[in-house]
C-alpha atoms as a PDB file:
ATOM      1  CA  MET A   1      16.327  73.232 -96.324  1.00  0.00           C
ATOM      2  CA  ARG A   2      16.498  71.714 -92.836  1.00  0.00           C
ATOM      3  CA  CYS A   3      12.905  72.632 -91.971  1.00  0.00           C
ATOM      4  CA  PHE A   4      11.629  70.831 -95.070  1.00  0.00           C
ATOM      5  CA  LEU A   5      13.613  67.684 -94.229  1.00  0.00           C
ATOM      6  CA  PHE A   6      12.415  67.684 -90.617  1.00  0.00           C
ATOM      7  CA  ILE A   7       8.757  68.039 -91.617  1.00  0.00           C
ATOM      8  CA  LEU A   8       9.168  65.318 -94.215  1.00  0.00           C
ATOM      9  CA  VAL A   9      10.627  62.859 -91.684  1.00  0.00           C
ATOM     10  CA  VAL A  10       7.774  63.510 -89.236  1.00  0.00           C
ATOM     11  CA  PHE A  11       5.239  63.196 -92.033  1.00  0.00           C
ATOM     12  CA  LEU A  12       6.657  59.893 -93.286  1.00  0.00           C
ATOM     13  CA  SER A  13       6.687  58.425 -89.792  1.00  0.00           C
ATOM     14  CA  ALA A  14       2.964  59.204 -89.465  1.00  0.00           C
ATOM     15  CA  CYS A  15       2.129  57.585 -92.810  1.00  0.00           C
ATOM     16  CA  VAL A  16       3.398  54.037 -92.544  1.00  0.00           C
ATOM     17  CA  SER A  17       0.490  52.744 -94.618  1.00  0.00           C
ATOM     18  CA  LEU A  18      -1.516  54.613 -97.221  1.00  0.00           C
ATOM     19  CA  PRO A  19      -5.282  54.071 -96.930  1.00  0.00           C
ATOM     20  CA  LYS A  20      -7.579  54.835 -99.810  1.00  0.00           C
ATOM     21  CA  LEU A  21      -8.204  58.552-100.181  1.00  0.00           C
ATOM     22  CA  PRO A  22     -11.890  59.355 -99.573  1.00  0.00           C
ATOM     23  CA  PRO A  23     -13.857  61.277-102.220  1.00  0.00           C
ATOM     24  CA  LEU A  24     -13.101  64.998-102.113  1.00  0.00           C
ATOM     25  CA  PRO A  25     -15.883  67.326-103.372  1.00  0.00           C
ATOM     26  CA  ALA A  26     -13.379  69.680-105.026  1.00  0.00           C
ATOM     27  CA  SER A  27     -12.393  66.886-107.429  1.00  0.00           C
ATOM     28  CA  GLN A  28     -15.687  67.486-109.267  1.00  0.00           C
ATOM     29  CA  LEU A  29     -14.907  71.181-109.701  1.00  0.00           C
ATOM     30  CA  ASP A  30     -13.377  71.982-113.098  1.00  0.00           C
ATOM     31  CA  SER A  31     -14.547  75.573-113.653  1.00  0.00           C
ATOM     32  CA  TRP A  32     -13.251  78.237-111.265  1.00  0.00           C
ATOM     33  CA  ARG A  33     -11.394  81.484-110.758  1.00  0.00           C
ATOM     34  CA  LEU A  34      -9.182  82.719-107.972  1.00  0.00           C
ATOM     35  CA  LYS A  35      -7.024  85.636-107.027  1.00  0.00           C
ATOM     36  CA  GLY A  36      -4.361  85.687-104.371  1.00  0.00           C
ATOM     37  CA  ARG A  37      -0.707  86.126-103.520  1.00  0.00           C
ATOM     38  CA  ILE A  38       2.290  83.885-104.101  1.00  0.00           C
ATOM     39  CA  ALA A  39       5.771  83.995-102.578  1.00  0.00           C
ATOM     40  CA  ILE A  40       8.582  81.846-103.977  1.00  0.00           C
ATOM     41  CA  SER A  41      11.903  81.481-102.193  1.00  0.00           C
ATOM     42  CA  THR A  42      15.152  79.553-102.381  1.00  0.00           C
ATOM     43  CA  ASP A  43      18.177  79.613-100.118  1.00  0.00           C
ATOM     44  CA  SER A  44      19.530  82.604-102.063  1.00  0.00           C
ATOM     45  CA  GLU A  45      16.581  84.632-103.380  1.00  0.00           C
ATOM     46  CA  SER A  46      12.843  85.245-103.183  1.00  0.00           C
ATOM     47  CA  TRP A  47      10.067  87.091-104.998  1.00  0.00           C
ATOM     48  CA  THR A  48       6.336  87.690-104.662  1.00  0.00           C
ATOM     49  CA  ALA A  49       3.458  88.286-107.064  1.00  0.00           C
ATOM     50  CA  SER A  50      -0.288  88.698-107.274  1.00  0.00           C
ATOM     51  CA  VAL A  51      -1.993  85.680-108.845  1.00  0.00           C
ATOM     52  CA  TYR A  52      -5.086  85.540-111.050  1.00  0.00           C
ATOM     53  CA  TRP A  53      -6.116  82.100-112.270  1.00  0.00           C
ATOM     54  CA  GLN A  54      -9.072  81.045-114.435  1.00  0.00           C
ATOM     55  CA  GLN A  55      -9.775  77.409-115.254  1.00  0.00           C
ATOM     56  CA  GLN A  56     -12.295  75.724-117.565  1.00  0.00           C
ATOM     57  CA  GLY A  57     -11.659  72.001-117.737  1.00  0.00           C
ATOM     58  CA  SER A  58      -8.078  71.494-118.918  1.00  0.00           C
ATOM     59  CA  ALA A  59      -7.810  75.059-120.275  1.00  0.00           C
ATOM     60  CA  TYR A  60      -6.558  77.836-118.024  1.00  0.00           C
ATOM     61  CA  GLN A  61      -5.158  81.340-117.876  1.00  0.00           C
ATOM     62  CA  LEU A  62      -2.657  82.155-115.133  1.00  0.00           C
ATOM     63  CA  ARG A  63      -1.466  85.717-114.635  1.00  0.00           C
ATOM     64  CA  LEU A  64       1.292  86.789-112.252  1.00  0.00           C
ATOM     65  CA  ASN A  65       1.526  90.509-111.520  1.00  0.00           C
ATOM     66  CA  LEU A  66       5.073  91.199-110.364  1.00  0.00           C
ATOM     67  CA  PRO A  67       5.875  93.946-107.821  1.00  0.00           C
ATOM     68  CA  LEU A  68       7.678  97.259-108.280  1.00  0.00           C
ATOM     69  CA  GLY A  69       6.500  97.877-111.818  1.00  0.00           C
ATOM     70  CA  GLN A  70       8.035  94.704-113.229  1.00  0.00           C
ATOM     71  CA  GLY A  71       4.894  94.001-115.248  1.00  0.00           C
ATOM     72  CA  ALA A  72       2.872  90.834-115.690  1.00  0.00           C
ATOM     73  CA  LEU A  73       3.462  87.274-116.815  1.00  0.00           C
ATOM     74  CA  LEU A  74       0.636  85.399-118.545  1.00  0.00           C
ATOM     75  CA  LEU A  75       0.307  81.669-119.143  1.00  0.00           C
ATOM     76  CA  GLU A  76      -2.471  80.376-121.411  1.00  0.00           C
ATOM     77  CA  ALA A  77      -2.950  76.628-121.726  1.00  0.00           C
ATOM     78  CA  ASP A  78      -5.237  74.223-123.551  1.00  0.00           C
ATOM     79  CA  ASP A  79      -4.973  70.712-124.970  1.00  0.00           C
ATOM     80  CA  LYS A  80      -2.588  71.962-127.685  1.00  0.00           C
ATOM     81  CA  GLY A  81       0.041  73.304-125.293  1.00  0.00           C
ATOM     82  CA  VAL A  82       1.011  76.394-123.317  1.00  0.00           C
ATOM     83  CA  ILE A  83       1.893  79.949-124.344  1.00  0.00           C
ATOM     84  CA  MET A  84       3.797  82.318-122.067  1.00  0.00           C
ATOM     85  CA  ARG A  85       3.724  86.081-122.572  1.00  0.00           C
ATOM     86  CA  THR A  86       6.260  88.048-120.553  1.00  0.00           C
ATOM     87  CA  ALA A  87       6.325  91.666-119.403  1.00  0.00           C
ATOM     88  CA  ASP A  88       8.775  92.590-122.182  1.00  0.00           C
ATOM     89  CA  ASN A  89       6.353  91.323-124.863  1.00  0.00           C
ATOM     90  CA  GLN A  90       8.200  88.084-125.524  1.00  0.00           C
ATOM     91  CA  THR A  91       6.193  84.959-126.376  1.00  0.00           C
ATOM     92  CA  TYR A  92       7.245  81.384-125.653  1.00  0.00           C
ATOM     93  CA  LYS A  93       5.542  78.055-126.352  1.00  0.00           C
ATOM     94  CA  ALA A  94       5.928  74.573-124.885  1.00  0.00           C
ATOM     95  CA  ALA A  95       3.998  71.380-124.312  1.00  0.00           C
ATOM     96  CA  ASN A  96       3.492  72.187-120.628  1.00  0.00           C
ATOM     97  CA  ALA A  97       3.800  75.115-118.251  1.00  0.00           C
ATOM     98  CA  ASP A  98       6.394  73.473-116.015  1.00  0.00           C
ATOM     99  CA  ALA A  99       8.898  73.415-118.880  1.00  0.00           C
ATOM    100  CA  LEU A 100       8.274  77.089-119.671  1.00  0.00           C
ATOM    101  CA  MET A 101       8.734  78.157-116.070  1.00  0.00           C
ATOM    102  CA  ALA A 102      12.001  76.227-115.864  1.00  0.00           C
ATOM    103  CA  ASP A 103      13.410  77.285-119.249  1.00  0.00           C
ATOM    104  CA  VAL A 104      12.350  80.938-119.297  1.00  0.00           C
ATOM    105  CA  LEU A 105      12.225  81.942-115.631  1.00  0.00           C
ATOM    106  CA  LYS A 106      14.562  79.308-114.137  1.00  0.00           C
ATOM    107  CA  LEU A 107      11.833  78.495-111.621  1.00  0.00           C
ATOM    108  CA  GLU A 108      10.792  75.037-110.518  1.00  0.00           C
ATOM    109  CA  MET A 109       7.067  75.743-110.436  1.00  0.00           C
ATOM    110  CA  PRO A 110       4.735  72.714-110.729  1.00  0.00           C
ATOM    111  CA  VAL A 111       1.900  74.487-112.550  1.00  0.00           C
ATOM    112  CA  THR A 112       0.603  71.258-114.121  1.00  0.00           C
ATOM    113  CA  ASP A 113       0.070  69.686-110.701  1.00  0.00           C
ATOM    114  CA  LEU A 114      -0.828  72.954-109.007  1.00  0.00           C
ATOM    115  CA  GLN A 115      -4.125  73.226-110.892  1.00  0.00           C
ATOM    116  CA  PHE A 116      -5.192  70.235-108.768  1.00  0.00           C
ATOM    117  CA  TRP A 117      -3.258  70.878-105.563  1.00  0.00           C
ATOM    118  CA  ILE A 118      -4.672  74.383-105.323  1.00  0.00           C
ATOM    119  CA  ARG A 119      -8.143  72.822-105.027  1.00  0.00           C
ATOM    120  CA  GLY A 120      -6.985  70.552-102.216  1.00  0.00           C
ATOM    121  CA  ILE A 121      -6.806  67.349-104.265  1.00  0.00           C
ATOM    122  CA  PRO A 122      -3.928  65.216-105.598  1.00  0.00           C
ATOM    123  CA  ALA A 123      -2.976  65.448-109.263  1.00  0.00           C
ATOM    124  CA  PRO A 124      -4.665  62.515-111.048  1.00  0.00           C
ATOM    125  CA  HIS A 125      -1.772  61.404-113.268  1.00  0.00           C
ATOM    126  CA  SER A 126       0.135  59.715-110.427  1.00  0.00           C
ATOM    127  CA  SER A 127      -0.697  58.265-107.031  1.00  0.00           C
ATOM    128  CA  PRO A 128       0.270  60.328-103.969  1.00  0.00           C
ATOM    129  CA  ASP A 129       3.370  59.084-102.184  1.00  0.00           C
ATOM    130  CA  ARG A 130       1.878  60.048 -98.816  1.00  0.00           C
ATOM    131  CA  TYR A 131      -1.011  62.072 -97.431  1.00  0.00           C
ATOM    132  CA  LEU A 132      -2.666  62.998 -94.151  1.00  0.00           C
ATOM    133  CA  LEU A 133      -6.238  64.176 -93.598  1.00  0.00           C
ATOM    134  CA  ASN A 134      -7.485  66.643 -91.008  1.00  0.00           C
ATOM    135  CA  ASP A 135     -10.483  65.965 -88.761  1.00  0.00           C
ATOM    136  CA  LYS A 136     -12.830  67.186 -91.511  1.00  0.00           C
ATOM    137  CA  LYS A 137     -11.495  64.638 -94.025  1.00  0.00           C
ATOM    138  CA  GLN A 138      -9.668  67.339 -95.976  1.00  0.00           C
ATOM    139  CA  LEU A 139      -6.063  67.073 -97.071  1.00  0.00           C
ATOM    140  CA  ARG A 140      -3.703  68.397 -94.421  1.00  0.00           C
ATOM    141  CA  HIS A 141      -0.449  67.138 -95.962  1.00  0.00           C
ATOM    142  CA  LEU A 142       0.289  65.703 -99.398  1.00  0.00           C
ATOM    143  CA  GLN A 143       3.494  64.343-100.890  1.00  0.00           C
ATOM    144  CA  GLN A 144       3.455  63.936-104.667  1.00  0.00           C
ATOM    145  CA  ASP A 145       5.895  64.265-107.573  1.00  0.00           C
ATOM    146  CA  GLY A 146       8.753  65.382-105.362  1.00  0.00           C
ATOM    147  CA  TRP A 147       6.763  68.103-103.572  1.00  0.00           C
ATOM    148  CA  PHE A 148       5.461  68.261-100.019  1.00  0.00           C
ATOM    149  CA  ILE A 149       2.242  70.297 -99.693  1.00  0.00           C
ATOM    150  CA  THR A 150       0.815  71.574 -96.414  1.00  0.00           C
ATOM    151  CA  TYR A 151      -2.743  72.928 -96.329  1.00  0.00           C
ATOM    152  CA  LEU A 152      -2.866  75.540 -93.601  1.00  0.00           C
ATOM    153  CA  HIS A 153      -6.459  76.743 -93.876  1.00  0.00           C
ATOM    154  CA  TYR A 154      -9.629  76.008 -95.866  1.00  0.00           C
ATOM    155  CA  VAL A 155     -12.619  78.184 -96.685  1.00  0.00           C
ATOM    156  CA  ASN A 156     -16.167  77.125 -97.569  1.00  0.00           C
ATOM    157  CA  VAL A 157     -17.161  78.298-101.055  1.00  0.00           C
ATOM    158  CA  GLU A 158     -20.740  77.418-101.993  1.00  0.00           C
ATOM    159  CA  GLY A 159     -20.581  74.248 -99.932  1.00  0.00           C
ATOM    160  CA  ILE A 160     -17.137  73.154-101.156  1.00  0.00           C
ATOM    161  CA  ALA A 161     -14.057  73.339 -98.925  1.00  0.00           C
ATOM    162  CA  LEU A 162     -11.236  74.994-100.870  1.00  0.00           C
ATOM    163  CA  PRO A 163      -7.744  75.950 -99.689  1.00  0.00           C
ATOM    164  CA  LYS A 164      -7.147  79.478 -98.477  1.00  0.00           C
ATOM    165  CA  ARG A 165      -3.500  79.152 -97.435  1.00  0.00           C
ATOM    166  CA  MET A 166      -1.015  76.485 -98.482  1.00  0.00           C
ATOM    167  CA  LEU A 167       2.710  75.796 -98.537  1.00  0.00           C
ATOM    168  CA  LEU A 168       4.620  73.828-101.178  1.00  0.00           C
ATOM    169  CA  GLU A 169       8.187  72.641-100.570  1.00  0.00           C
ATOM    170  CA  ASN A 170      10.836  70.532-102.203  1.00  0.00           C
ATOM    171  CA  GLN A 171      14.565  70.353-101.583  1.00  0.00           C
ATOM    172  CA  SER A 172      15.222  73.628-103.445  1.00  0.00           C
ATOM    173  CA  PHE A 173      12.074  75.756-103.420  1.00  0.00           C
ATOM    174  CA  LYS A 174       9.432  76.990-100.995  1.00  0.00           C
ATOM    175  CA  VAL A 175       6.150  78.357-102.378  1.00  0.00           C
ATOM    176  CA  LYS A 176       3.597  80.096-100.148  1.00  0.00           C
ATOM    177  CA  ILE A 177       0.122  80.730-101.585  1.00  0.00           C
ATOM    178  CA  ALA A 178      -2.637  82.815-100.006  1.00  0.00           C
ATOM    179  CA  ILE A 179      -5.953  82.786-101.859  1.00  0.00           C
ATOM    180  CA  LEU A 180      -7.965  85.952-101.313  1.00  0.00           C
ATOM    181  CA  GLU A 181     -11.020  85.125-103.410  1.00  0.00           C
ATOM    182  CA  TRP A 182     -12.561  82.043-105.008  1.00  0.00           C
ATOM    183  CA  GLU A 183     -15.291  81.989-107.642  1.00  0.00           C
ATOM    184  CA  ILE A 184     -16.603  78.598-108.720  1.00  0.00           C
ATOM    185  CA  ASN A 185     -18.484  77.746-111.900  1.00  0.00           C
ATOM    186  CA  PRO A 186     -18.166  81.226-113.466  1.00  0.00           C
ATOM    187  CA  ALA A 187     -20.540  81.933-116.327  1.00  0.00           C
ATOM    188  CA  LYS A 188     -17.804  82.094-118.960  1.00  0.00           C
ATOM    189  CA  PHE A 189     -14.090  81.921-119.567  1.00  0.00           C
ATOM    190  CA  ALA A 190     -13.501  85.662-119.838  1.00  0.00           C
ATOM    191  CA  GLY A 191     -10.696  88.170-119.445  1.00  0.00           C
ATOM    192  CA  TYR A 192      -9.387  89.345-116.110  1.00  0.00           C
ATOM    193  CA  ASP A 193     -10.891  92.808-115.907  1.00  0.00           C
ATOM    194  CA  ARG A 194     -14.193  91.917-114.219  1.00  0.00           C
ATOM    195  CA  PHE A 195     -12.597  89.506-111.778  1.00  0.00           C
ATOM    196  CA  ILE A 196      -9.685  91.735-110.800  1.00  0.00           C
ATOM    197  CA  ASN A 197     -11.651  94.953-110.310  1.00  0.00           C
END
């Protein structure tokens, strides 16, 4: 992907040294819900889905509603591991969601890191390779774990700046995410019906 390589070169040239990342309010947020749209593409194919994500600490439920009557994909994770339920009623288990996405769907989807990136913060298990802040001290670009993330727009949700549009790229995949609705600190970790409707 020539565009990805060009952006990466420009980004690296602007980040000769890596200063300490300032505190980001979203890093204190561990209970939230969102709904939005996701588009994943490679050089040869692409697909889109509606996204519904609920998070309580390290536990989460991630639902992808596929277009054209293809059904839904559900990921449920906690400290014991991850379960995937597919549209054809198949169930798969693994230690982490990234492995399930790769093994079952043949998709390189960094779900483990995305639960942090989608809030506009780096994943805590490794230091960012590079980052750039915008004039409001929010992440504009982030390079971590082989992915290059661009934050295109933020929205204020109860005093916390959270991403509204973002782009993830590596050498093989491009992932566009548009978040239509955020809900922070929901009362309980419930099903999707109330949030979707």
